[in-house]
Amino acid sequence: MVEKVLTGLSALRPGAIESKPATVVRPDSRTQAGAKNTATAKRRSAATRGIGGWALYLALPVVLVAVWSLYGVVRGGQSVAMATPQQIVGAAVEYAANGELWLNIAVSIARVLEGFLVALVAAAVLGVAAGVSRRFERAIDLVMQILRPIPGIAWIPLAIIWFGIGENSKVYIIFIGAFFPMFVNIVDGIKGIDKRYFELGEVYEIPKWRFIRQVVVPAALPQILTGIRLGLSGAWICVVAAEMIGATSGVGFMLSDGRSMSRPDVVILAMLIIGVIGKFMDDFVQWQRRRMVNWQ
C-alpha cells in the first residue's frame, strides 16, 4: 500500500501524464560550471582526509598545549588560578588511580542516558502527533512556546523543591534540556514533508500508524537525527549543571569539588572531560546519521 503512495507521487509530477519524445540536450555553461564546482568540492574533501587532514585537524590543539606548557615553565609552579598541562595530567593519574575518575564519568553518563531516553520517547510521541495533526499542535503550541525558551538550569530550584536533591531532580533537569530541541526538530521535519504524501495516504486509506512508520518517519529522519544530536548535547550540559548542586558524584560534582579545594588542575581536568565526552557523543550521532541517512 505504501508503494502506491510513491507511485502516485510520480504521477503527480508536471509532465508525467503527457509523454514527449526524448531530446538530446547539450549542457549549458551553468551546468558545466556546476560540474566543475562539484569536482572542486570533491578534491577539497579528499584533501582534508588522510595524514594531511589529520595534521591540519590536530595542529591548533597541539599549538595551544605547547604555548600553555611554555607559559607554565616560564611562570614556574602552580598558582591558585591556573594549572599547567603537566599538573592536569598528574591530577588525571591521581583520580584514575583511586577510581574516582571512572566513577564520576560512569555516573554522569548513566544519568544522561536515563534522562535523554525519557525525553526522546516524550518528544517522539508529542512531536509526531503535533506534526501530523494541526489541531493537536494548536492545542499544545502556546504552552510549548512559553516553556521552550526557559533554560534547563533555570529549572534547578523548582526541581529541588519538587524532587529533593536526589537522582529524580537531576533526571528531570536532563529531561528538560533534551526534550525541547528534539520536539522542535521532529515537528519541523514532519512539516517539511511534501504534502502530497499525506494526500495520497488518505486517498489509498493507508492505516495511520503504518503511514507514520513507513512514510513520515523515514522522510523526516534527517531532521529527527539533528534534533537527537542537539538533545543529547543539551542533556550533557544540563547534567553537569545539575551535578554542581546537591550531588556526591559525577563530572559536575568533580568540577565543584575542585573549586572548593582551590585546585585548578582538578577543575580544568573536569572541564576537559566534559568537552571530550561531549565530542564523542556528537561524533557517535553523526556516525549514525551517515549510516541511516545514506541518500544525503
Protein backbone atom coordinates (compact mmCIF):
# COMPACT_ATOMS: atom_id res chain seq x y z
CA MET A 1 0.00 0.00 0.00
CA VAL A 2 2.81 2.40 0.82
CA GLU A 3 4.33 1.70 -2.58
CA LYS A 4 1.15 3.12 -4.11
CA VAL A 5 1.88 6.44 -2.44
CA LEU A 6 5.31 6.62 -4.04
CA THR A 7 3.89 5.56 -7.40
CA GLY A 8 1.13 8.11 -7.11
CA LEU A 9 3.60 10.87 -6.37
CA SER A 10 5.46 10.19 -9.59
CA ALA A 11 2.17 10.56 -11.45
CA LEU A 12 1.59 13.98 -9.91
CA ARG A 13 4.78 15.46 -11.29
CA PRO A 14 4.31 18.05 -14.06
CA GLY A 15 4.50 16.49 -17.49
CA ALA A 16 4.15 12.94 -16.20
CA ILE A 17 0.82 12.38 -17.98
CA GLU A 18 1.81 13.58 -21.41
CA SER A 19 4.95 11.86 -22.60
CA LYS A 20 7.18 13.70 -25.06
CA PRO A 21 9.84 12.31 -27.35
CA ALA A 22 13.27 12.30 -25.82
CA THR A 23 15.60 15.03 -27.00
CA VAL A 24 19.32 15.40 -26.63
CA VAL A 25 20.15 18.44 -24.52
CA ARG A 26 23.62 19.88 -24.61
CA PRO A 27 24.92 21.05 -21.23
CA ASP A 28 24.88 24.82 -20.98
CA SER A 29 27.53 26.94 -19.29
CA ARG A 30 25.77 26.83 -15.91
CA THR A 31 25.65 23.02 -15.99
CA GLN A 32 29.33 22.84 -16.83
CA ALA A 33 30.14 25.33 -14.06
CA GLY A 34 28.14 23.23 -11.61
CA ALA A 35 30.06 20.11 -12.60
CA LYS A 36 33.34 21.94 -12.12
CA ASN A 37 32.26 23.14 -8.68
CA THR A 38 31.29 19.60 -7.71
CA ALA A 39 34.65 18.25 -8.83
CA THR A 40 36.43 21.01 -6.91
CA ALA A 41 34.42 20.23 -3.77
CA LYS A 42 35.35 16.54 -4.07
CA ARG A 43 39.03 17.40 -4.41
CA ARG A 44 38.86 19.65 -1.34
CA SER A 45 37.06 16.92 0.62
CA ALA A 46 39.76 14.42 -0.34
CA ALA A 47 42.43 16.91 0.72
CA THR A 48 41.00 17.02 4.24
CA ARG A 49 41.32 13.24 4.63
CA GLY A 50 44.44 11.19 5.21
CA ILE A 51 47.59 12.18 7.06
CA GLY A 52 47.47 15.77 5.85
CA GLY A 53 43.89 16.15 7.00
CA TRP A 54 44.66 14.77 10.47
CA ALA A 55 47.70 17.06 10.74
CA LEU A 56 45.50 20.05 9.95
CA TYR A 57 42.85 18.81 12.39
CA LEU A 58 45.30 18.46 15.29
CA ALA A 59 47.57 21.44 14.54
CA LEU A 60 45.70 24.04 16.60
CA PRO A 61 45.26 21.86 19.74
CA VAL A 62 48.97 20.94 19.67
CA VAL A 63 49.97 24.60 19.35
CA LEU A 64 47.67 25.61 22.21
CA VAL A 65 49.03 22.89 24.51
CA ALA A 66 52.62 23.84 23.62
CA VAL A 67 52.03 27.51 24.38
CA TRP A 68 50.22 26.57 27.58
CA SER A 69 53.13 24.35 28.69
CA LEU A 70 55.64 27.08 27.86
CA TYR A 71 53.62 29.52 29.96
CA GLY A 72 53.80 27.10 32.90
CA VAL A 73 57.58 26.74 32.53
CA VAL A 74 58.11 30.50 32.39
CA ARG A 75 55.81 31.11 35.35
CA GLY A 76 57.16 28.19 37.40
CA GLY A 77 54.80 26.40 39.76
CA GLN A 78 51.03 26.29 40.15
CA SER A 79 49.02 29.35 41.11
CA VAL A 80 45.56 29.49 42.63
CA ALA A 81 44.09 30.45 39.26
CA MET A 82 45.78 28.25 36.64
CA ALA A 83 47.43 24.86 36.21
CA THR A 84 49.86 23.54 33.62
CA PRO A 85 49.13 20.59 31.31
CA GLN A 86 51.61 18.51 33.29
CA GLN A 87 49.74 19.18 36.53
CA ILE A 88 46.42 18.33 34.88
CA VAL A 89 47.86 15.01 33.67
CA GLY A 90 49.04 14.40 37.24
CA ALA A 91 45.53 15.08 38.57
CA ALA A 92 44.08 12.69 35.99
CA VAL A 93 46.50 9.95 37.07
CA GLU A 94 45.66 10.61 40.73
CA TYR A 95 41.88 10.41 40.21
CA ALA A 96 42.18 7.42 37.88
CA ALA A 97 44.31 5.53 40.39
CA ASN A 98 41.81 5.89 43.24
CA GLY A 99 38.86 5.14 40.91
CA GLU A 100 37.07 8.46 41.33
CA LEU A 101 37.62 9.49 37.72
CA TRP A 102 35.90 6.41 36.25
CA LEU A 103 33.12 6.51 38.83
CA ASN A 104 32.30 10.15 38.11
CA ILE A 105 32.29 9.60 34.36
CA ALA A 106 30.11 6.48 34.61
CA VAL A 107 27.60 8.18 36.92
CA SER A 108 27.25 11.21 34.65
CA ILE A 109 26.81 9.12 31.50
CA ALA A 110 24.20 6.92 33.22
CA ARG A 111 22.23 9.98 34.30
CA VAL A 112 22.40 11.47 30.82
CA LEU A 113 21.17 8.28 29.17
CA GLU A 114 18.29 7.93 31.63
CA GLY A 115 17.01 11.47 31.18
CA PHE A 116 17.74 11.54 27.45
CA LEU A 117 15.84 8.32 26.68
CA VAL A 118 12.78 9.52 28.60
CA ALA A 119 12.95 12.83 26.72
CA LEU A 120 13.35 11.01 23.39
CA VAL A 121 10.20 8.95 23.93
CA ALA A 122 8.18 12.00 25.02
CA ALA A 123 9.49 14.15 22.15
CA ALA A 124 8.80 11.42 19.60
CA VAL A 125 5.21 10.86 20.73
CA LEU A 126 4.29 14.55 21.08
CA GLY A 127 6.35 15.65 18.07
CA VAL A 128 4.82 13.13 15.68
CA ALA A 129 1.32 13.89 16.99
CA ALA A 130 1.86 17.64 16.54
CA GLY A 131 3.42 17.14 13.11
CA VAL A 132 0.56 15.13 11.64
CA SER A 133 -2.33 16.82 13.48
CA ARG A 134 -2.84 20.56 13.24
CA ARG A 135 -5.44 20.50 16.00
CA PHE A 136 -3.09 18.81 18.43
CA GLU A 137 -0.29 21.21 17.53
CA ARG A 138 -2.62 24.15 18.08
CA ALA A 139 -3.67 22.79 21.46
CA ILE A 140 -0.13 22.48 22.85
CA ASP A 141 1.65 25.25 20.91
CA LEU A 142 1.17 28.06 23.45
CA VAL A 143 2.46 26.01 26.38
CA MET A 144 5.43 24.69 24.37
CA GLN A 145 6.41 28.12 23.11
CA ILE A 146 6.35 29.56 26.64
CA LEU A 147 8.34 26.72 28.22
CA ARG A 148 10.84 26.24 25.39
CA PRO A 149 12.95 29.40 25.97
CA ILE A 150 13.41 28.59 29.68
CA PRO A 151 16.89 27.01 30.05
CA GLY A 152 17.27 23.75 31.92
CA ILE A 153 19.44 25.42 34.56
CA ALA A 154 16.53 27.69 35.48
CA TRP A 155 14.53 24.61 36.48
CA ILE A 156 17.04 23.56 39.14
CA PRO A 157 15.40 25.39 42.11
CA LEU A 158 11.96 24.07 41.22
CA ALA A 159 13.29 20.57 40.60
CA ILE A 160 14.86 20.55 44.09
CA ILE A 161 11.57 21.70 45.61
CA TRP A 162 9.62 19.01 43.76
CA PHE A 163 12.03 16.06 43.90
CA GLY A 164 14.63 17.00 46.51
CA ILE A 165 18.36 16.74 45.81
CA GLY A 166 18.28 13.07 44.80
CA GLU A 167 18.51 11.43 41.40
CA ASN A 168 14.98 12.34 40.30
CA SER A 169 15.72 16.06 40.25
CA LYS A 170 18.82 15.55 38.10
CA VAL A 171 17.00 13.29 35.64
CA TYR A 172 14.20 15.86 35.40
CA ILE A 173 16.63 18.68 34.55
CA ILE A 174 18.30 16.47 31.93
CA PHE A 175 14.86 15.68 30.52
CA ILE A 176 14.07 19.38 30.15
CA GLY A 177 17.41 20.08 28.47
CA ALA A 178 16.96 17.29 25.93
CA PHE A 179 13.22 17.40 25.23
CA PHE A 180 12.64 20.72 23.50
CA PRO A 181 15.41 20.53 20.83
CA MET A 182 14.17 17.09 19.81
CA PHE A 183 10.50 18.08 19.88
CA VAL A 184 11.00 21.16 17.71
CA ASN A 185 13.11 19.31 15.12
CA ILE A 186 10.69 16.39 14.90
CA VAL A 187 7.76 18.74 14.28
CA ASP A 188 9.70 20.80 11.72
CA GLY A 189 10.93 17.66 9.97
CA ILE A 190 7.40 16.30 9.55
CA LYS A 191 6.06 19.66 8.39
CA GLY A 192 8.79 19.77 5.74
CA ILE A 193 7.49 16.59 4.09
CA ASP A 194 5.77 17.01 0.73
CA LYS A 195 2.04 17.43 1.40
CA ARG A 196 1.22 15.10 -1.47
CA TYR A 197 2.40 12.17 0.66
CA PHE A 198 -0.38 12.88 3.14
CA GLU A 199 -2.96 13.43 0.41
CA LEU A 200 -2.17 10.14 -1.28
CA GLY A 201 -2.09 8.37 2.08
CA GLU A 202 -5.70 9.49 2.60
CA VAL A 203 -6.70 8.54 -0.94
CA TYR A 204 -5.37 4.98 -0.56
CA GLU A 205 -6.68 4.79 3.03
CA ILE A 206 -3.38 3.63 4.49
CA PRO A 207 -3.64 2.95 8.25
CA LYS A 208 -2.37 5.92 10.23
CA TRP A 209 0.28 4.09 12.24
CA ARG A 210 1.66 2.29 9.19
CA PHE A 211 1.79 5.54 7.22
CA ILE A 212 3.71 7.28 10.04
CA ARG A 213 6.12 4.38 10.47
CA GLN A 214 6.87 3.72 6.79
CA VAL A 215 6.48 7.16 5.19
CA VAL A 216 6.54 10.02 7.70
CA VAL A 217 9.44 8.92 9.90
CA PRO A 218 11.82 7.97 7.04
CA ALA A 219 11.05 11.22 5.21
CA ALA A 220 11.70 13.33 8.32
CA LEU A 221 14.66 11.25 9.51
CA PRO A 222 17.43 13.81 8.73
CA GLN A 223 15.71 16.48 10.82
CA ILE A 224 14.90 13.97 13.56
CA LEU A 225 18.55 12.97 13.84
CA THR A 226 19.54 16.64 14.01
CA GLY A 227 17.15 17.03 16.93
CA ILE A 228 18.65 13.97 18.63
CA ARG A 229 22.11 15.47 18.22
CA LEU A 230 21.02 18.75 19.80
CA GLY A 231 19.03 16.99 22.50
CA LEU A 232 21.97 14.81 23.55
CA SER A 233 24.20 17.88 23.72
CA GLY A 234 21.61 19.70 25.84
CA ALA A 235 21.30 16.69 28.15
CA TRP A 236 25.07 16.61 28.72
CA ILE A 237 25.15 20.33 29.51
CA CYS A 238 22.29 20.02 31.97
CA VAL A 239 23.73 17.02 33.84
CA VAL A 240 26.91 18.98 34.58
CA ALA A 241 24.88 21.91 35.88
CA ALA A 242 22.66 19.63 37.98
CA GLU A 243 25.62 17.78 39.49
CA MET A 244 27.21 21.01 40.66
CA ILE A 245 24.30 21.39 43.11
CA GLY A 246 23.49 18.69 45.64
CA ALA A 247 25.49 15.78 44.17
CA THR A 248 28.14 13.49 45.62
CA SER A 249 29.39 12.03 42.33
CA GLY A 250 29.58 12.87 38.65
CA VAL A 251 31.72 15.12 36.48
CA GLY A 252 29.81 18.20 37.63
CA PHE A 253 30.49 17.25 41.26
CA MET A 254 34.17 16.83 40.38
CA LEU A 255 34.16 20.33 38.92
CA SER A 256 32.54 21.80 42.02
CA ASP A 257 34.77 19.79 44.35
CA GLY A 258 37.88 21.09 42.61
CA ARG A 259 36.68 24.65 43.10
CA SER A 260 36.02 24.09 46.81
CA MET A 261 39.53 22.63 47.24
CA SER A 262 41.10 25.51 45.24
CA ARG A 263 42.62 23.02 42.81
CA PRO A 264 42.58 24.49 39.29
CA ASP A 265 44.12 21.29 37.92
CA VAL A 266 41.03 19.30 39.01
CA VAL A 267 38.67 22.00 37.70
CA ILE A 268 40.33 22.10 34.28
CA LEU A 269 40.52 18.29 34.18
CA ALA A 270 36.76 18.10 34.75
CA MET A 271 36.18 20.73 32.05
CA LEU A 272 38.30 18.76 29.57
CA ILE A 273 36.42 15.56 30.41
CA ILE A 274 33.13 17.35 29.76
CA GLY A 275 34.36 18.58 26.39
CA VAL A 276 35.88 15.26 25.28
CA ILE A 277 32.84 13.17 26.22
CA GLY A 278 30.55 15.71 24.54
CA LYS A 279 32.68 15.45 21.41
CA PHE A 280 32.46 11.63 21.40
CA MET A 281 28.69 11.77 21.86
CA ASP A 282 28.31 14.17 18.96
CA ASP A 283 30.59 12.07 16.74
CA PHE A 284 28.56 8.95 17.55
CA VAL A 285 25.29 10.62 16.50
CA GLN A 286 26.93 11.95 13.34
CA TRP A 287 28.22 8.46 12.52
CA GLN A 288 24.75 7.00 12.95
CA ARG A 289 23.31 9.77 10.78
CA ARG A 290 25.70 8.92 7.94
CA ARG A 291 24.72 5.24 8.21
CA MET A 292 20.96 5.80 8.41
CA VAL A 293 20.60 8.73 6.02
CA ASN A 294 22.81 7.37 3.28
CA TRP A 295 20.94 9.11 0.49
CA GLN A 296 22.16 12.58 1.53
